Protein backbone atom coordinates (compact mmCIF):
# COMPACT_ATOMS: atom_id res chain seq x y z
CA MET A 1 118.27 60.00 68.74
CA ASN A 2 118.15 63.58 67.49
CA THR A 3 119.57 65.59 70.56
CA LYS A 4 118.43 68.83 68.81
CA LEU A 5 114.76 67.54 68.90
CA VAL A 6 115.03 66.31 72.23
CA ARG A 7 116.54 69.63 73.68
CA ALA A 8 113.75 71.56 71.60
CA LEU A 9 110.75 69.20 73.14
CA ALA A 10 112.35 69.77 76.80
CA LEU A 11 112.53 73.51 76.46
CA ALA A 12 108.83 73.78 75.24
CA LEU A 13 107.79 71.37 78.14
CA LEU A 14 109.60 73.82 80.63
CA SER A 15 108.00 76.73 78.95
CA LEU A 16 104.61 75.87 79.45
CA PRO A 17 102.73 78.24 81.95
CA SER A 18 101.00 75.73 83.87
CA LEU A 19 100.05 71.89 83.81
CA ALA A 20 96.55 72.34 83.84
CA GLN A 21 94.66 69.09 85.24
CA ASP A 22 90.99 67.84 85.46
CA LEU A 23 89.52 67.89 89.06
CA VAL A 24 86.24 67.72 90.89
CA VAL A 25 85.71 69.74 93.83
CA ARG A 26 82.78 69.28 96.29
CA GLY A 27 81.50 71.41 98.79
CA GLU A 28 78.83 71.51 101.40
CA ARG A 29 78.33 75.32 100.50
CA VAL A 30 79.95 76.63 97.19
CA HIS A 31 79.83 80.18 96.98
CA THR A 32 79.83 80.82 92.96
CA VAL A 33 80.13 84.74 93.96
CA SER A 34 78.38 85.34 90.48
CA GLY A 35 75.25 83.75 91.53
CA ALA A 36 73.61 82.11 94.39
CA VAL A 37 75.09 79.61 96.92
CA ILE A 38 74.78 76.23 95.99
CA ASP A 39 74.38 73.82 98.78
CA ASN A 40 75.84 70.46 98.41
CA GLY A 41 77.92 71.94 95.18
CA ILE A 42 80.16 70.39 92.77
CA VAL A 43 82.46 72.22 90.53
CA VAL A 44 84.13 70.17 87.72
CA VAL A 45 87.53 71.50 86.12
CA LYS A 46 88.85 70.09 82.87
CA ASP A 47 91.80 71.17 81.17
CA GLY A 48 92.32 73.86 83.84
CA LYS A 49 88.71 75.58 83.12
CA ILE A 50 85.54 75.22 85.21
CA VAL A 51 83.23 73.11 82.66
CA ALA A 52 80.48 72.69 85.39
CA VAL A 53 78.96 73.96 88.44
CA GLY A 54 76.11 73.04 90.35
CA ASN A 55 74.28 70.73 92.96
CA GLU A 56 74.46 66.95 93.10
CA ARG A 57 71.09 66.70 91.02
CA GLN A 58 72.60 68.96 88.13
CA VAL A 59 76.20 67.80 87.94
CA GLN A 60 77.34 64.39 87.17
CA PRO A 61 81.05 64.35 87.97
CA PRO A 62 83.16 62.42 85.81
CA ALA A 63 84.34 59.03 86.72
CA GLY A 64 88.30 58.29 87.51
CA VAL A 65 88.85 61.95 88.29
CA ARG A 66 90.53 63.04 91.47
CA THR A 67 87.86 64.64 93.99
CA LEU A 68 88.54 67.29 96.75
CA THR A 69 86.00 68.09 99.57
CA ALA A 70 85.41 70.97 102.00
CA LYS A 71 82.87 72.34 104.17
CA VAL A 72 83.26 75.82 102.19
CA VAL A 73 84.25 76.46 98.61
CA THR A 74 85.05 79.62 97.11
CA PRO A 75 86.38 81.35 93.92
CA GLY A 76 90.48 81.72 94.44
CA LEU A 77 91.00 84.99 96.28
CA ILE A 78 92.56 87.98 94.58
CA ASP A 79 94.87 90.30 96.35
CA ALA A 80 94.37 93.75 94.25
CA HIS A 81 97.61 95.30 95.48
CA SER A 82 100.77 93.75 97.02
CA VAL A 83 104.34 93.95 96.79
CA VAL A 84 104.72 89.99 97.39
CA GLY A 85 107.34 88.60 95.30
CA LEU A 86 109.18 92.04 94.97
CA ALA A 87 109.63 92.00 98.90
CA GLY A 88 110.36 89.08 100.78
CA TYR A 89 110.08 87.59 104.06
CA LEU A 90 113.66 88.05 105.18
CA ASN A 91 113.34 92.00 105.16
CA GLN A 92 117.41 91.83 103.95
CA PRO A 93 118.34 94.32 101.23
CA HIS A 94 118.92 91.29 98.64
CA ASP A 95 115.12 90.27 98.83
CA GLN A 96 113.74 94.17 98.67
CA ASP A 97 113.19 95.29 95.43
CA GLN A 98 110.00 96.88 95.67
CA HIS A 99 111.22 100.32 95.78
CA ASP A 100 114.36 102.09 94.22
CA PRO A 101 115.23 105.20 96.09
CA THR A 102 117.61 106.84 93.68
CA GLY A 103 115.20 108.83 91.84
CA PRO A 104 111.34 110.12 92.23
CA ILE A 105 110.23 109.39 88.79
CA GLN A 106 110.79 105.92 87.67
CA PRO A 107 108.08 104.57 85.61
CA GLU A 108 110.24 102.35 83.36
CA LEU A 109 111.09 100.02 86.39
CA ARG A 110 109.26 96.74 85.36
CA ALA A 111 108.02 94.66 87.97
CA ILE A 112 108.50 91.46 85.61
CA ASP A 113 112.52 92.01 86.16
CA ALA A 114 112.19 91.91 90.05
CA TYR A 115 109.43 89.26 90.92
CA ASN A 116 111.01 86.15 92.52
CA ALA A 117 108.25 83.27 91.76
CA ARG A 118 110.10 81.12 94.42
CA GLU A 119 109.56 83.93 97.33
CA ARG A 120 108.15 82.38 100.61
CA LEU A 121 105.52 85.02 100.92
CA ILE A 122 104.01 83.59 97.78
CA GLU A 123 103.61 80.20 99.31
CA TRP A 124 102.41 81.74 102.58
CA VAL A 125 99.51 83.79 101.19
CA ARG A 126 98.50 81.11 98.57
CA GLY A 127 98.00 78.79 102.11
CA PHE A 128 94.92 80.83 102.65
CA GLY A 129 93.08 80.71 99.27
CA VAL A 130 95.00 83.69 97.62
CA THR A 131 95.28 82.53 93.77
CA THR A 132 96.05 85.77 92.10
CA LEU A 133 98.49 89.05 93.18
CA HIS A 134 98.56 92.40 91.81
CA THR A 135 102.06 93.13 92.79
CA GLY A 136 105.04 95.28 92.01
CA HIS A 137 106.57 98.53 93.06
CA GLY A 138 105.55 99.66 96.41
CA PRO A 139 104.07 103.29 97.29
CA GLN A 140 107.20 105.03 98.30
CA SER A 141 108.34 107.37 95.48
CA LEU A 142 106.23 109.90 93.41
CA ILE A 143 106.35 107.23 90.54
CA SER A 144 108.03 104.08 91.78
CA GLY A 145 107.43 101.49 89.03
CA GLN A 146 105.44 99.27 87.36
CA THR A 147 103.03 96.53 88.44
CA MET A 148 102.09 93.08 87.45
CA ILE A 149 99.41 90.57 87.83
CA VAL A 150 100.32 86.85 88.77
CA LYS A 151 99.11 83.77 89.93
CA THR A 152 100.67 82.34 92.81
CA ARG A 153 102.36 79.39 91.41
CA GLY A 154 105.17 78.03 89.40
CA GLU A 155 108.91 78.31 89.97
CA THR A 156 109.46 81.00 87.21
CA ILE A 157 107.92 84.25 86.37
CA ASP A 158 106.88 82.81 82.92
CA GLU A 159 104.75 80.15 84.77
CA ALA A 160 103.18 82.77 87.14
CA VAL A 161 102.88 86.02 85.20
CA ILE A 162 99.04 87.11 83.71
CA VAL A 163 99.74 90.47 82.79
CA PRO A 164 103.48 92.05 82.70
CA ARG A 165 102.60 95.32 83.14
CA ALA A 166 99.15 96.38 84.53
CA MET A 167 99.66 99.42 86.02
CA ILE A 168 102.17 102.44 86.70
CA ALA A 169 102.29 103.28 90.55
CA ALA A 170 102.45 106.76 92.01
CA THR A 171 102.06 108.16 95.46
CA LEU A 172 100.98 111.41 96.58
CA GLY A 173 101.06 112.71 100.08
CA THR A 174 104.06 112.28 102.62
CA GLY A 175 104.62 108.72 101.60
CA SER A 176 106.46 109.99 98.62
CA ARG A 177 107.67 113.58 100.17
CA THR A 178 111.63 113.50 100.28
CA LYS A 179 113.99 116.39 99.73
CA SER A 180 112.38 116.80 96.28
CA PRO A 181 109.26 116.68 95.95
CA GLY A 182 109.15 118.17 99.64
CA THR A 183 105.48 119.43 99.41
CA ALA A 184 102.11 118.91 97.65
CA GLY A 185 102.55 121.47 95.24
CA LYS A 186 106.03 120.24 94.18
CA GLN A 187 104.63 116.81 93.73
CA MET A 188 102.07 117.86 91.32
CA SER A 189 104.00 119.92 89.32
CA MET A 190 106.79 117.23 89.17
CA LEU A 191 104.18 115.03 87.62
CA ARG A 192 102.36 117.35 85.43
CA GLU A 193 106.01 118.24 84.12
CA ALA A 194 106.49 114.36 83.63
CA LEU A 195 103.16 114.10 81.89
CA ILE A 196 103.73 117.20 79.41
CA GLY A 197 107.18 115.81 78.52
CA ALA A 198 105.27 112.41 77.69
CA GLN A 199 103.09 114.43 75.57
CA GLU A 200 105.59 115.98 73.54
CA TYR A 201 107.26 112.70 72.94
CA GLN A 202 103.85 111.32 71.84
CA ARG A 203 103.73 114.22 69.49
CA LYS A 204 106.83 113.33 68.06
CA LEU A 205 106.16 109.65 67.74
CA ARG A 206 103.30 110.44 65.81
CA ALA A 207 104.69 113.12 63.59
CA ALA A 208 107.38 110.40 62.64
CA GLY A 209 104.76 107.60 61.57
CA ASP A 210 106.93 104.82 59.89
CA ASP A 211 109.82 106.82 59.05
CA ALA A 212 112.68 105.80 61.49
CA SER A 213 115.01 108.41 60.55
CA LYS A 214 112.52 111.11 62.29
CA ARG A 215 111.72 109.13 65.42
CA PRO A 216 113.33 110.46 68.16
CA GLU A 217 115.76 108.60 70.62
CA ARG A 218 114.20 106.06 72.76
CA ASP A 219 113.26 107.02 76.22
CA LEU A 220 111.99 104.33 78.25
CA ARG A 221 110.41 106.61 80.79
CA LYS A 222 108.66 108.70 78.35
CA GLU A 223 107.42 105.63 76.55
CA ALA A 224 105.86 104.40 79.82
CA LEU A 225 104.01 107.47 80.39
CA VAL A 226 102.80 107.72 76.80
CA ASP A 227 101.12 104.30 77.58
CA VAL A 228 99.57 106.19 80.40
CA LEU A 229 98.39 108.90 77.99
CA GLU A 230 96.88 106.51 75.74
CA ARG A 231 95.06 104.70 78.47
CA LYS A 232 97.14 101.47 77.65
CA ALA A 233 97.95 101.34 81.44
CA PRO A 234 96.26 103.04 84.43
CA LEU A 235 98.06 105.15 87.06
CA LEU A 236 97.66 103.59 90.17
CA VAL A 237 97.94 106.35 92.86
CA THR A 238 98.44 105.84 96.27
CA ALA A 239 96.52 108.89 97.89
CA HIS A 240 94.98 108.86 101.72
CA ARG A 241 93.97 112.36 102.95
CA HIS A 242 91.07 113.94 100.73
CA GLN A 243 93.07 116.52 99.31
CA ASP A 244 95.36 114.37 97.63
CA ILE A 245 92.35 112.28 96.28
CA VAL A 246 90.92 115.40 94.92
CA SER A 247 94.40 116.33 93.36
CA ALA A 248 94.60 113.09 91.53
CA LEU A 249 91.26 113.45 90.29
CA ARG A 250 92.01 116.76 89.14
CA LEU A 251 95.09 115.18 87.19
CA ALA A 252 93.40 112.62 85.58
CA SER A 253 90.97 115.17 84.20
CA GLU A 254 93.68 117.32 82.94
CA PHE A 255 95.58 114.48 81.25
CA GLY A 256 92.65 111.93 80.33
CA PHE A 257 94.18 108.77 81.87
CA GLN A 258 92.62 106.39 83.64
CA LEU A 259 93.03 106.53 87.14
CA VAL A 260 92.90 103.72 89.70
CA LEU A 261 93.12 105.30 93.66
CA ASP A 262 94.69 103.11 96.04
CA GLY A 263 94.71 103.30 100.05
CA ALA A 264 92.03 106.37 99.83
CA SER A 265 91.50 106.34 103.59
CA GLU A 266 89.84 109.36 103.60
CA SER A 267 87.69 108.40 100.23
CA TYR A 268 84.36 108.58 102.27
CA VAL A 269 84.63 112.42 102.05
CA VAL A 270 84.65 112.54 98.51
CA ILE A 271 82.41 109.78 97.58
CA ASP A 272 80.13 111.68 95.48
CA GLU A 273 83.28 113.06 93.33
CA LEU A 274 84.60 109.32 92.86
CA ARG A 275 81.16 107.88 91.80
CA LEU A 276 80.99 110.63 89.22
CA ALA A 277 84.34 110.50 87.84
CA LYS A 278 83.86 106.72 87.80
CA VAL A 279 87.09 105.99 89.57
CA PRO A 280 87.78 102.57 91.11
CA VAL A 281 89.23 102.34 94.72
CA ILE A 282 91.69 99.63 95.96
CA ALA A 283 91.00 100.51 99.72
CA HIS A 284 93.25 100.35 102.38
CA PRO A 285 93.66 97.12 104.58
CA PRO A 286 90.87 97.27 107.46
CA MET A 287 93.54 96.45 109.99
CA ALA A 288 95.99 98.71 108.99
CA ARG A 289 97.47 101.22 111.49
CA PHE A 290 95.25 104.32 111.47
CA VAL A 291 98.37 106.77 112.09
CA GLU A 292 99.72 109.39 110.45
CA GLU A 293 98.17 109.72 106.78
CA LEU A 294 95.82 107.02 107.91
CA GLU A 295 94.69 108.88 111.03
CA ASN A 296 91.44 109.65 109.56
CA ALA A 297 90.54 106.37 108.36
CA SER A 298 87.28 104.35 109.07
CA ARG A 299 86.33 100.79 108.89
CA SER A 300 83.18 101.67 107.59
CA THR A 301 84.39 103.43 104.45
CA TYR A 302 84.07 100.17 102.82
CA ARG A 303 80.17 99.74 103.18
CA LYS A 304 80.17 103.25 102.17
CA LEU A 305 81.80 102.83 98.98
CA ALA A 306 79.62 99.81 98.35
CA ASP A 307 76.36 101.27 99.25
CA ALA A 308 77.54 104.25 96.85
CA ASN A 309 78.20 102.03 93.96
CA VAL A 310 81.94 103.07 93.72
CA PRO A 311 84.09 100.32 92.35
CA PHE A 312 86.34 98.97 94.98
CA THR A 313 88.19 95.90 96.17
CA LEU A 314 90.57 95.34 99.06
CA GLN A 315 94.33 94.51 99.40
CA SER A 316 97.04 93.14 101.76
CA GLY A 317 99.02 96.12 101.34
CA TYR A 318 102.62 97.31 101.70
CA GLU A 319 104.21 97.66 105.00
CA SER A 320 107.44 98.39 105.71
CA TYR A 321 108.36 95.82 108.33
CA VAL A 322 108.13 91.68 108.33
CA PRO A 323 106.31 89.96 106.82
CA LYS A 324 105.69 93.17 104.36
CA THR A 325 102.32 91.94 103.70
CA ARG A 326 99.07 90.81 105.19
CA VAL A 327 96.58 88.38 104.22
CA VAL A 328 93.55 89.78 102.32
CA LEU A 329 91.28 87.13 103.55
CA TYR A 330 91.50 88.43 107.46
CA GLU A 331 91.22 91.97 105.93
CA ALA A 332 87.84 91.29 103.98
CA GLY A 333 86.89 89.45 107.24
CA VAL A 334 87.16 92.56 109.57
CA ALA A 335 85.46 94.73 106.70
CA ALA A 336 82.33 92.11 106.88
CA ALA A 337 82.29 92.65 110.62
CA TYR A 338 82.42 96.25 110.38
CA GLY A 339 79.07 96.68 108.03
CA LEU A 340 80.00 95.27 104.75
CA GLY A 341 78.32 91.59 105.41
CA SER A 342 80.02 88.65 104.39
CA GLU A 343 78.47 88.46 100.75
CA ARG A 344 80.21 91.79 99.63
CA ALA A 345 83.50 91.34 101.54
CA LEU A 346 83.79 88.19 99.45
CA ARG A 347 82.88 89.85 96.51
CA SER A 348 85.34 92.53 97.26
CA ILE A 349 88.12 90.00 97.07
CA THR A 350 87.00 87.55 94.03
CA LEU A 351 85.07 89.28 91.39
CA ASP A 352 85.02 92.90 91.99
CA ALA A 353 88.85 92.76 92.46
CA ALA A 354 88.78 90.93 89.06
CA LYS A 355 86.62 93.46 87.29
CA ILE A 356 88.90 96.45 88.73
CA LEU A 357 92.06 94.57 87.19
CA GLY A 358 90.20 93.72 83.98
CA LEU A 359 90.38 90.00 84.27
CA ASP A 360 86.84 89.26 85.20
CA ALA A 361 86.43 87.33 81.85
CA ARG A 362 88.57 84.42 83.65
CA LEU A 363 88.65 85.12 87.33
CA GLY A 364 86.83 85.88 90.37
CA SER A 365 83.86 83.66 90.30
CA LEU A 366 82.99 80.08 89.94
CA GLU A 367 81.27 80.16 86.27
CA VAL A 368 81.95 77.75 83.12
CA GLY A 369 84.65 78.86 81.17
CA LYS A 370 86.58 80.63 83.70
CA ASP A 371 90.26 79.59 85.13
CA GLY A 372 89.66 76.74 87.77
CA ASP A 373 90.81 78.45 90.73
CA LEU A 374 89.55 77.57 93.92
CA ALA A 375 89.81 78.19 97.74
CA LEU A 376 88.77 75.16 100.03
CA TYR A 377 87.99 75.91 103.56
CA ASP A 378 86.75 73.93 107.01
CA GLY A 379 84.19 76.45 107.70
CA ASP A 380 83.35 80.25 107.00
CA PRO A 381 86.37 81.89 105.74
CA PHE A 382 85.91 84.89 107.77
CA GLU A 383 85.93 82.96 110.98
CA TYR A 384 89.32 82.93 112.33
CA THR A 385 88.72 79.61 113.90
CA SER A 386 88.45 78.29 110.36
CA HIS A 387 90.96 77.16 108.10
CA CYS A 388 91.95 77.11 104.70
CA ILE A 389 92.44 73.18 103.76
CA GLY A 390 93.15 73.68 99.77
CA THR A 391 93.93 75.89 97.00
CA VAL A 392 93.70 75.23 93.35
CA ILE A 393 95.14 77.02 90.52
CA ASP A 394 93.87 75.84 87.22
CA GLY A 395 92.81 72.71 88.44
CA VAL A 396 95.97 72.12 90.14
CA PRO A 397 96.07 71.71 93.66
CA VAL A 398 98.82 73.95 94.93
CA PHE A 399 98.05 73.76 98.56
CA GLU A 400 96.75 70.93 100.72
CA GLY A 401 96.92 71.19 104.35
CA SER A 402 95.65 73.45 107.13
CA ARG A 403 96.13 77.01 107.56
C-alpha cells in the first residue's frame, strides 16, 4: 500500500471542518425567527444544511434518518460578544489569554492564535443551546486585539472557525485607563495618533503599488488598522458612559471606519445619534452588576433600542472572575421580562446577532439553505424551569442531555 497516499488521505479527513449529517428535528413549537412559529413543526437537515421547514402536513421527513424531538425548537443561539475560548474556567494564568497587559494598543494580536477549542467553557455554553460565539480579546486595553467567530464544536481551531478575524476590539472609559492613557482625552489622542499612522502607512502602500522595492517595511499593527480604515474589519468599541459613546461616534465619522458599539449601558441617552449614524449595538448583559461605568444602566434599554430600530443584540460579556462568562440565553430571558418580550429577545440572540456579525445568510433562523444549527428545549427557553435537551451544529447533535 502507498503509505504516502494513506497519509495524505488521513490528513485530508482530519482537516474537514465538520462531519455534516442528515437529521430530522421535530418540535411541538418550532420558532423559525424569520417567520411564524410552527406548531408540530419539522426541520430536515441534509449534509449540514436545512432543506425543509414546516408542519406535519407540509414536510414529509425522509425515512431512515435519525429524529430528535423537543417541546420547543429554536435556531442555535449566537453569543455576540464573549471571551470564551481565550479565557478558561480555571481562572489561572495559563488559561487567560483574553488580555495582554504589556501595551495599550495591540490590534495585531490574533484571536485565532489564542483560541483553545477544547476549553471546557465552550462545552458548558454549548449545553444551553449556544452554537456560535463572537469571541476574542477582552475589553481591558485601548486596543486589545482581534476577535473571531467560531462554532462551539470541534477539537481544533480549524474545525471551529467561521471568521478568523471579525473585528478589532477597543475600549473607552475607565476600563482601559492605566498609567497611559490615564484620561479620556489621552485615550482619544492615542487612538487618533494610531489611526493617522495607519493612514500614512496606507498612503505608502498605495504609492508603491506592485513595486516591492518601494513598499514600506511590514508593520502588523498598522496593517490591522489599515483594514479598519478600509472597512475590512469593524472597530468594536466598548464604551458605557454617554460621553464615551459620543467620542466613539465622532472618531468613526472622522476616519470613516465601521463602528460597532459594545456594552453601551447609557445608549438610551443617545438613541437618536445611534439611529442616525446607523451604528449597531452589542448591548451589555442585563444581569451585569450596575456599578462603576454601568451605574446608570437600565434593563429597559433593550426595549428602547428595539423600539427606535437601532440594530442591537445581547451578549454574555466578560467578567474578571470565574467562570469568565455568563449564559446569553438567561440574559435574553431577563431582557424579555423587562419589556423586550420573548419574540424580540429570541430574535436578539439569533437573527439580529447574525446580521450584526454579517452572517445572516447562513445563521440565525430556521430557513432552507441555512446551516443546520438548532437548540432543543423541554419548555419555554426563557423560563428558568426549562432545560436545554439538545444542541445541533451542522446537523450533528453535539449535546444531548438536560441543562
